[in-house]
Amino acid sequence: MKVQNITDIEGFFKVVDECKGKVELVTGEGDRLNLKSKLSQYVSMANIFSNGEIPELEVIAYEKEDIDKLIKFMLDGGNN
């Protein structure tokens, strides 16, 4: 799924942490980073989110419940 215009990065990672299954970020080069790993979260924030906003990225979640959580976060604008 494509994720766009997330300004609440901390809230986004909180939702990712609450997910039961694996959640991955697909980089522009096609690499997949495990977003449940704190190290991957810090690397992602440093490299991709340096301007304080996530313009667009591709996230893969493998559990329907997790996909629903991420979609709810995006629809609520990060106001969970």
PDB file of N, CA and C in Angstrom:
ATOM      1  N   MET A   1       0.840  -1.177   0.000  1.00  0.00           N
ATOM      2  CA  MET A   1       0.000   0.000   0.000  1.00  0.00           C
ATOM      3  C   MET A   1       0.881   1.235   0.000  1.00  0.00           C
ATOM      4  N   LYS A   2       0.416   2.259  -0.667  1.00  0.00           N
ATOM      5  CA  LYS A   2       1.129   3.529  -0.691  1.00  0.00           C
ATOM      6  C   LYS A   2       0.673   4.357   0.504  1.00  0.00           C
ATOM      7  N   VAL A   3       1.640   4.950   1.181  1.00  0.00           N
ATOM      8  CA  VAL A   3       1.370   5.812   2.324  1.00  0.00           C
ATOM      9  C   VAL A   3       1.838   7.202   1.932  1.00  0.00           C
ATOM     10  N   GLN A   4       0.973   8.204   2.150  1.00  0.00           N
ATOM     11  CA  GLN A   4       1.309   9.558   1.713  1.00  0.00           C
ATOM     12  C   GLN A   4       1.082  10.578   2.811  1.00  0.00           C
ATOM     13  N   ASN A   5       1.923  11.611   2.792  1.00  0.00           N
ATOM     14  CA  ASN A   5       1.756  12.821   3.595  1.00  0.00           C
ATOM     15  C   ASN A   5       1.532  12.558   5.080  1.00  0.00           C
ATOM     16  N   ILE A   6       2.357  11.716   5.656  1.00  0.00           N
ATOM     17  CA  ILE A   6       2.273  11.480   7.099  1.00  0.00           C
ATOM     18  C   ILE A   6       3.149  12.507   7.791  1.00  0.00           C
ATOM     19  N   THR A   7       2.542  13.318   8.634  1.00  0.00           N
ATOM     20  CA  THR A   7       3.305  14.311   9.383  1.00  0.00           C
ATOM     21  C   THR A   7       3.549  13.847  10.820  1.00  0.00           C
ATOM     22  N   ASP A   8       2.753  12.913  11.308  1.00  0.00           N
ATOM     23  CA  ASP A   8       2.926  12.368  12.659  1.00  0.00           C
ATOM     24  C   ASP A   8       3.752  11.081  12.566  1.00  0.00           C
ATOM     25  N   ILE A   9       5.047  11.261  12.413  1.00  0.00           N
ATOM     26  CA  ILE A   9       5.942  10.120  12.230  1.00  0.00           C
ATOM     27  C   ILE A   9       5.954   9.244  13.479  1.00  0.00           C
ATOM     28  N   GLU A  10       5.980   9.876  14.649  1.00  0.00           N
ATOM     29  CA  GLU A  10       5.970   9.120  15.904  1.00  0.00           C
ATOM     30  C   GLU A  10       4.696   8.282  16.009  1.00  0.00           C
ATOM     31  N   GLY A  11       3.563   8.862  15.645  1.00  0.00           N
ATOM     32  CA  GLY A  11       2.293   8.129  15.653  1.00  0.00           C
ATOM     33  C   GLY A  11       2.286   6.986  14.660  1.00  0.00           C
ATOM     34  N   PHE A  12       2.889   7.212  13.494  1.00  0.00           N
ATOM     35  CA  PHE A  12       2.979   6.164  12.480  1.00  0.00           C
ATOM     36  C   PHE A  12       3.752   4.966  13.015  1.00  0.00           C
ATOM     37  N   PHE A  13       4.912   5.222  13.624  1.00  0.00           N
ATOM     38  CA  PHE A  13       5.704   4.117  14.158  1.00  0.00           C
ATOM     39  C   PHE A  13       5.026   3.458  15.361  1.00  0.00           C
ATOM     40  N   LYS A  14       4.220   4.203  16.097  1.00  0.00           N
ATOM     41  CA  LYS A  14       3.461   3.613  17.204  1.00  0.00           C
ATOM     42  C   LYS A  14       2.464   2.592  16.656  1.00  0.00           C
ATOM     43  N   VAL A  15       1.784   2.945  15.563  1.00  0.00           N
ATOM     44  CA  VAL A  15       0.849   2.018  14.928  1.00  0.00           C
ATOM     45  C   VAL A  15       1.607   0.799  14.396  1.00  0.00           C
ATOM     46  N   VAL A  16       2.763   1.022  13.774  1.00  0.00           N
ATOM     47  CA  VAL A  16       3.569  -0.096  13.274  1.00  0.00           C
ATOM     48  C   VAL A  16       3.945  -1.024  14.432  1.00  0.00           C
ATOM     49  N   ASP A  17       4.348  -0.453  15.563  1.00  0.00           N
ATOM     50  CA  ASP A  17       4.728  -1.260  16.726  1.00  0.00           C
ATOM     51  C   ASP A  17       3.564  -2.097  17.240  1.00  0.00           C
ATOM     52  N   GLU A  18       2.342  -1.604  17.078  1.00  0.00           N
ATOM     53  CA  GLU A  18       1.156  -2.317  17.551  1.00  0.00           C
ATOM     54  C   GLU A  18       0.738  -3.447  16.612  1.00  0.00           C
ATOM     55  N   CYS A  19       1.297  -3.465  15.415  1.00  0.00           N
ATOM     56  CA  CYS A  19       0.943  -4.510  14.452  1.00  0.00           C
ATOM     57  C   CYS A  19       1.441  -5.874  14.930  1.00  0.00           C
ATOM     58  N   LYS A  20       0.652  -6.895  14.656  1.00  0.00           N
ATOM     59  CA  LYS A  20       0.989  -8.264  15.082  1.00  0.00           C
ATOM     60  C   LYS A  20       2.014  -8.918  14.158  1.00  0.00           C
ATOM     61  N   GLY A  21       1.879  -8.692  12.859  1.00  0.00           N
ATOM     62  CA  GLY A  21       2.755  -9.339  11.877  1.00  0.00           C
ATOM     63  C   GLY A  21       3.855  -8.416  11.401  1.00  0.00           C
ATOM     64  N   LYS A  22       4.523  -8.867  10.358  1.00  0.00           N
ATOM     65  CA  LYS A  22       5.630  -8.120   9.780  1.00  0.00           C
ATOM     66  C   LYS A  22       5.102  -6.931   8.977  1.00  0.00           C
ATOM     67  N   VAL A  23       5.780  -5.793   9.126  1.00  0.00           N
ATOM     68  CA  VAL A  23       5.468  -4.585   8.357  1.00  0.00           C
ATOM     69  C   VAL A  23       6.781  -4.121   7.741  1.00  0.00           C
ATOM     70  N   GLU A  24       6.781  -3.955   6.425  1.00  0.00           N
ATOM     71  CA  GLU A  24       8.014  -3.603   5.730  1.00  0.00           C
ATOM     72  C   GLU A  24       7.852  -2.307   4.943  1.00  0.00           C
ATOM     73  N   LEU A  25       8.953  -1.582   4.855  1.00  0.00           N
ATOM     74  CA  LEU A  25       9.047  -0.399   4.012  1.00  0.00           C
ATOM     75  C   LEU A  25       9.820  -0.801   2.774  1.00  0.00           C
ATOM     76  N   VAL A  26       9.271  -0.498   1.596  1.00  0.00           N
ATOM     77  CA  VAL A  26       9.970  -0.773   0.348  1.00  0.00           C
ATOM     78  C   VAL A  26      10.687   0.510  -0.061  1.00  0.00           C
ATOM     79  N   THR A  27      12.011   0.435  -0.159  1.00  0.00           N
ATOM     80  CA  THR A  27      12.797   1.616  -0.528  1.00  0.00           C
ATOM     81  C   THR A  27      12.711   1.845  -2.028  1.00  0.00           C
ATOM     82  N   GLY A  28      13.196   2.979  -2.473  1.00  0.00           N
ATOM     83  CA  GLY A  28      13.217   3.299  -3.895  1.00  0.00           C
ATOM     84  C   GLY A  28      14.037   2.313  -4.706  1.00  0.00           C
ATOM     85  N   GLU A  29      14.990   1.663  -4.051  1.00  0.00           N
ATOM     86  CA  GLU A  29      15.825   0.672  -4.728  1.00  0.00           C
ATOM     87  C   GLU A  29      15.202  -0.720  -4.699  1.00  0.00           C
ATOM     88  N   GLY A  30      14.047  -0.856  -4.047  1.00  0.00           N
ATOM     89  CA  GLY A  30      13.373  -2.151  -3.978  1.00  0.00           C
ATOM     90  C   GLY A  30      13.733  -2.978  -2.756  1.00  0.00           C
ATOM     91  N   ASP A  31      14.598  -2.445  -1.894  1.00  0.00           N
ATOM     92  CA  ASP A  31      14.936  -3.155  -0.662  1.00  0.00           C
ATOM     93  C   ASP A  31      13.760  -3.088   0.297  1.00  0.00           C
ATOM     94  N   ARG A  32      13.657  -4.086   1.158  1.00  0.00           N
ATOM     95  CA  ARG A  32      12.582  -4.110   2.159  1.00  0.00           C
ATOM     96  C   ARG A  32      13.187  -4.011   3.547  1.00  0.00           C
ATOM     97  N   LEU A  33      12.733  -2.999   4.293  1.00  0.00           N
ATOM     98  CA  LEU A  33      13.195  -2.796   5.663  1.00  0.00           C
ATOM     99  C   LEU A  33      12.082  -3.191   6.618  1.00  0.00           C
ATOM    100  N   ASN A  34      12.432  -3.964   7.641  1.00  0.00           N
ATOM    101  CA  ASN A  34      11.474  -4.361   8.668  1.00  0.00           C
ATOM    102  C   ASN A  34      11.193  -3.162   9.563  1.00  0.00           C
ATOM    103  N   LEU A  35       9.999  -2.575   9.442  1.00  0.00           N
ATOM    104  CA  LEU A  35       9.672  -1.378  10.215  1.00  0.00           C
ATOM    105  C   LEU A  35       9.405  -1.665  11.686  1.00  0.00           C
ATOM    106  N   LYS A  36       9.318  -2.933  12.066  1.00  0.00           N
ATOM    107  CA  LYS A  36       9.143  -3.247  13.479  1.00  0.00           C
ATOM    108  C   LYS A  36      10.482  -3.240  14.211  1.00  0.00           C
ATOM    109  N   SER A  37      11.573  -3.174  13.468  1.00  0.00           N
ATOM    110  CA  SER A  37      12.906  -3.075  14.042  1.00  0.00           C
ATOM    111  C   SER A  37      13.190  -1.616  14.387  1.00  0.00           C
ATOM    112  N   LYS A  38      13.580  -1.370  15.621  1.00  0.00           N
ATOM    113  CA  LYS A  38      13.890   0.013  16.022  1.00  0.00           C
ATOM    114  C   LYS A  38      15.043   0.570  15.200  1.00  0.00           C
ATOM    115  N   LEU A  39      16.030  -0.260  14.899  1.00  0.00           N
ATOM    116  CA  LEU A  39      17.152   0.198  14.088  1.00  0.00           C
ATOM    117  C   LEU A  39      16.665   0.638  12.708  1.00  0.00           C
ATOM    118  N   SER A  40      15.810  -0.154  12.086  1.00  0.00           N
ATOM    119  CA  SER A  40      15.268   0.218  10.775  1.00  0.00           C
ATOM    120  C   SER A  40      14.444   1.498  10.870  1.00  0.00           C
ATOM    121  N   GLN A  41      13.710   1.664  11.960  1.00  0.00           N
ATOM    122  CA  GLN A  41      12.927   2.896  12.130  1.00  0.00           C
ATOM    123  C   GLN A  41      13.845   4.112  12.190  1.00  0.00           C
ATOM    124  N   TYR A  42      14.943   4.014  12.955  1.00  0.00           N
ATOM    125  CA  TYR A  42      15.865   5.145  13.064  1.00  0.00           C
ATOM    126  C   TYR A  42      16.563   5.431  11.737  1.00  0.00           C
ATOM    127  N   VAL A  43      16.964   4.371  11.049  1.00  0.00           N
ATOM    128  CA  VAL A  43      17.599   4.556   9.740  1.00  0.00           C
ATOM    129  C   VAL A  43      16.615   5.195   8.769  1.00  0.00           C
ATOM    130  N   SER A  44      15.363   4.716   8.787  1.00  0.00           N
ATOM    131  CA  SER A  44      14.337   5.271   7.901  1.00  0.00           C
ATOM    132  C   SER A  44      14.106   6.741   8.195  1.00  0.00           C
ATOM    133  N   MET A  45      13.995   7.077   9.476  1.00  0.00           N
ATOM    134  CA  MET A  45      13.757   8.480   9.833  1.00  0.00           C
ATOM    135  C   MET A  45      14.917   9.348   9.383  1.00  0.00           C
ATOM    136  N   ALA A  46      16.133   8.882   9.578  1.00  0.00           N
ATOM    137  CA  ALA A  46      17.301   9.684   9.223  1.00  0.00           C
ATOM    138  C   ALA A  46      17.401   9.889   7.713  1.00  0.00           C
ATOM    139  N   ASN A  47      17.138   8.849   6.950  1.00  0.00           N
ATOM    140  CA  ASN A  47      17.339   8.919   5.504  1.00  0.00           C
ATOM    141  C   ASN A  47      16.146   9.448   4.730  1.00  0.00           C
ATOM    142  N   ILE A  48      14.953   9.013   5.085  1.00  0.00           N
ATOM    143  CA  ILE A  48      13.790   9.303   4.259  1.00  0.00           C
ATOM    144  C   ILE A  48      12.981  10.471   4.803  1.00  0.00           C
ATOM    145  N   PHE A  49      12.905  10.592   6.122  1.00  0.00           N
ATOM    146  CA  PHE A  49      11.984  11.541   6.738  1.00  0.00           C
ATOM    147  C   PHE A  49      12.705  12.772   7.281  1.00  0.00           C
ATOM    148  N   SER A  50      13.856  13.090   6.752  1.00  0.00           N
ATOM    149  CA  SER A  50      14.678  14.163   7.309  1.00  0.00           C
ATOM    150  C   SER A  50      13.996  15.527   7.262  1.00  0.00           C
ATOM    151  N   ASN A  51      13.015  15.701   6.390  1.00  0.00           N
ATOM    152  CA  ASN A  51      12.333  17.000   6.323  1.00  0.00           C
ATOM    153  C   ASN A  51      11.108  17.069   7.240  1.00  0.00           C
ATOM    154  N   GLY A  52      10.862  16.027   8.044  1.00  0.00           N
ATOM    155  CA  GLY A  52       9.768  16.055   9.002  1.00  0.00           C
ATOM    156  C   GLY A  52       8.442  15.578   8.466  1.00  0.00           C
ATOM    157  N   GLU A  53       8.416  15.125   7.235  1.00  0.00           N
ATOM    158  CA  GLU A  53       7.168  14.645   6.635  1.00  0.00           C
ATOM    159  C   GLU A  53       7.487  13.479   5.717  1.00  0.00           C
ATOM    160  N   ILE A  54       6.584  12.507   5.671  1.00  0.00           N
ATOM    161  CA  ILE A  54       6.746  11.388   4.750  1.00  0.00           C
ATOM    162  C   ILE A  54       5.901  11.705   3.524  1.00  0.00           C
ATOM    163  N   PRO A  55       6.523  12.075   2.390  1.00  0.00           N
ATOM    164  CA  PRO A  55       5.731  12.435   1.217  1.00  0.00           C
ATOM    165  C   PRO A  55       5.001  11.233   0.638  1.00  0.00           C
ATOM    166  N   GLU A  56       5.713  10.135   0.378  1.00  0.00           N
ATOM    167  CA  GLU A  56       5.085   8.910  -0.117  1.00  0.00           C
ATOM    168  C   GLU A  56       6.066   7.764   0.046  1.00  0.00           C
ATOM    169  N   LEU A  57       5.556   6.638   0.475  1.00  0.00           N
ATOM    170  CA  LEU A  57       6.366   5.437   0.551  1.00  0.00           C
ATOM    171  C   LEU A  57       5.460   4.238   0.428  1.00  0.00           C
ATOM    172  N   GLU A  58       6.074   3.104   0.141  1.00  0.00           N
ATOM    173  CA  GLU A  58       5.297   1.879   0.015  1.00  0.00           C
ATOM    174  C   GLU A  58       5.537   1.031   1.248  1.00  0.00           C
ATOM    175  N   VAL A  59       4.442   0.616   1.874  1.00  0.00           N
ATOM    176  CA  VAL A  59       4.493  -0.211   3.075  1.00  0.00           C
ATOM    177  C   VAL A  59       3.758  -1.508   2.778  1.00  0.00           C
ATOM    178  N   ILE A  60       4.337  -2.609   3.220  1.00  0.00           N
ATOM    179  CA  ILE A  60       3.702  -3.916   3.058  1.00  0.00           C
ATOM    180  C   ILE A  60       3.431  -4.483   4.440  1.00  0.00           C
ATOM    181  N   ALA A  61       2.169  -4.808   4.697  1.00  0.00           N
ATOM    182  CA  ALA A  61       1.770  -5.499   5.923  1.00  0.00           C
ATOM    183  C   ALA A  61       1.164  -6.830   5.496  1.00  0.00           C
ATOM    184  N   TYR A  62       1.431  -7.865   6.276  1.00  0.00           N
ATOM    185  CA  TYR A  62       1.034  -9.210   5.870  1.00  0.00           C
ATOM    186  C   TYR A  62      -0.234  -9.713   6.552  1.00  0.00           C
ATOM    187  N   GLU A  63      -0.661  -9.047   7.623  1.00  0.00           N
ATOM    188  CA  GLU A  63      -1.863  -9.457   8.347  1.00  0.00           C
ATOM    189  C   GLU A  63      -2.978  -8.456   8.057  1.00  0.00           C
ATOM    190  N   LYS A  64      -4.187  -8.963   7.788  1.00  0.00           N
ATOM    191  CA  LYS A  64      -5.314  -8.079   7.490  1.00  0.00           C
ATOM    192  C   LYS A  64      -5.571  -7.090   8.620  1.00  0.00           C
ATOM    193  N   GLU A  65      -5.471  -7.558   9.842  1.00  0.00           N
ATOM    194  CA  GLU A  65      -5.672  -6.694  11.018  1.00  0.00           C
ATOM    195  C   GLU A  65      -4.672  -5.530  11.015  1.00  0.00           C
ATOM    196  N   ASP A  66      -3.437  -5.801  10.622  1.00  0.00           N
ATOM    197  CA  ASP A  66      -2.412  -4.763  10.575  1.00  0.00           C
ATOM    198  C   ASP A  66      -2.680  -3.770   9.445  1.00  0.00           C
ATOM    199  N   ILE A  67      -3.107  -4.290   8.296  1.00  0.00           N
ATOM    200  CA  ILE A  67      -3.459  -3.415   7.171  1.00  0.00           C
ATOM    201  C   ILE A  67      -4.582  -2.473   7.596  1.00  0.00           C
ATOM    202  N   ASP A  68      -5.579  -3.010   8.291  1.00  0.00           N
ATOM    203  CA  ASP A  68      -6.697  -2.186   8.761  1.00  0.00           C
ATOM    204  C   ASP A  68      -6.211  -1.090   9.711  1.00  0.00           C
ATOM    205  N   LYS A  69      -5.268  -1.410  10.601  1.00  0.00           N
ATOM    206  CA  LYS A  69      -4.730  -0.414  11.535  1.00  0.00           C
ATOM    207  C   LYS A  69      -4.024   0.707  10.788  1.00  0.00           C
ATOM    208  N   LEU A  70      -3.225   0.326   9.806  1.00  0.00           N
ATOM    209  CA  LEU A  70      -2.485   1.326   9.040  1.00  0.00           C
ATOM    210  C   LEU A  70      -3.426   2.201   8.218  1.00  0.00           C
ATOM    211  N   ILE A  71      -4.444   1.600   7.622  1.00  0.00           N
ATOM    212  CA  ILE A  71      -5.420   2.368   6.847  1.00  0.00           C
ATOM    213  C   ILE A  71      -6.177   3.329   7.763  1.00  0.00           C
ATOM    214  N   LYS A  72      -6.575   2.855   8.939  1.00  0.00           N
ATOM    215  CA  LYS A  72      -7.272   3.727   9.900  1.00  0.00           C
ATOM    216  C   LYS A  72      -6.393   4.913  10.280  1.00  0.00           C
ATOM    217  N   PHE A  73      -5.108   4.660  10.520  1.00  0.00           N
ATOM    218  CA  PHE A  73      -4.183   5.740  10.856  1.00  0.00           C
ATOM    219  C   PHE A  73      -4.145   6.774   9.738  1.00  0.00           C
ATOM    220  N   MET A  74      -4.047   6.299   8.497  1.00  0.00           N
ATOM    221  CA  MET A  74      -3.976   7.233   7.367  1.00  0.00           C
ATOM    222  C   MET A  74      -5.282   8.011   7.189  1.00  0.00           C
ATOM    223  N   LEU A  75      -6.407   7.340   7.354  1.00  0.00           N
ATOM    224  CA  LEU A  75      -7.705   8.018   7.194  1.00  0.00           C
ATOM    225  C   LEU A  75      -7.966   9.031   8.297  1.00  0.00           C
ATOM    226  N   ASP A  76      -7.478   8.727   9.494  1.00  0.00           N
ATOM    227  CA  ASP A  76      -7.647   9.640  10.628  1.00  0.00           C
ATOM    228  C   ASP A  76      -6.635  10.773  10.594  1.00  0.00           C
ATOM    229  N   GLY A  77      -5.720  10.733   9.638  1.00  0.00           N
ATOM    230  CA  GLY A  77      -4.706  11.767   9.543  1.00  0.00           C
ATOM    231  C   GLY A  77      -3.697  11.710  10.659  1.00  0.00           C
ATOM    232  N   GLY A  78      -3.550  10.530  11.266  1.00  0.00           N
ATOM    233  CA  GLY A  78      -2.599  10.394  12.360  1.00  0.00           C
ATOM    234  C   GLY A  78      -3.145  10.819  13.695  1.00  0.00           C
ATOM    235  N   ASN A  79      -4.437  11.096  13.745  1.00  0.00           N
ATOM    236  CA  ASN A  79      -5.050  11.543  14.998  1.00  0.00           C
ATOM    237  C   ASN A  79      -5.698  10.378  15.727  1.00  0.00           C
ATOM    238  N   ASN A  80      -4.915   9.368  16.062  1.00  0.00           N
ATOM    239  CA  ASN A  80      -5.456   8.189  16.753  1.00  0.00           C
ATOM    240  C   ASN A  80      -5.552   8.422  18.230  1.00  0.00           C
TER     241      ASN A  80
END
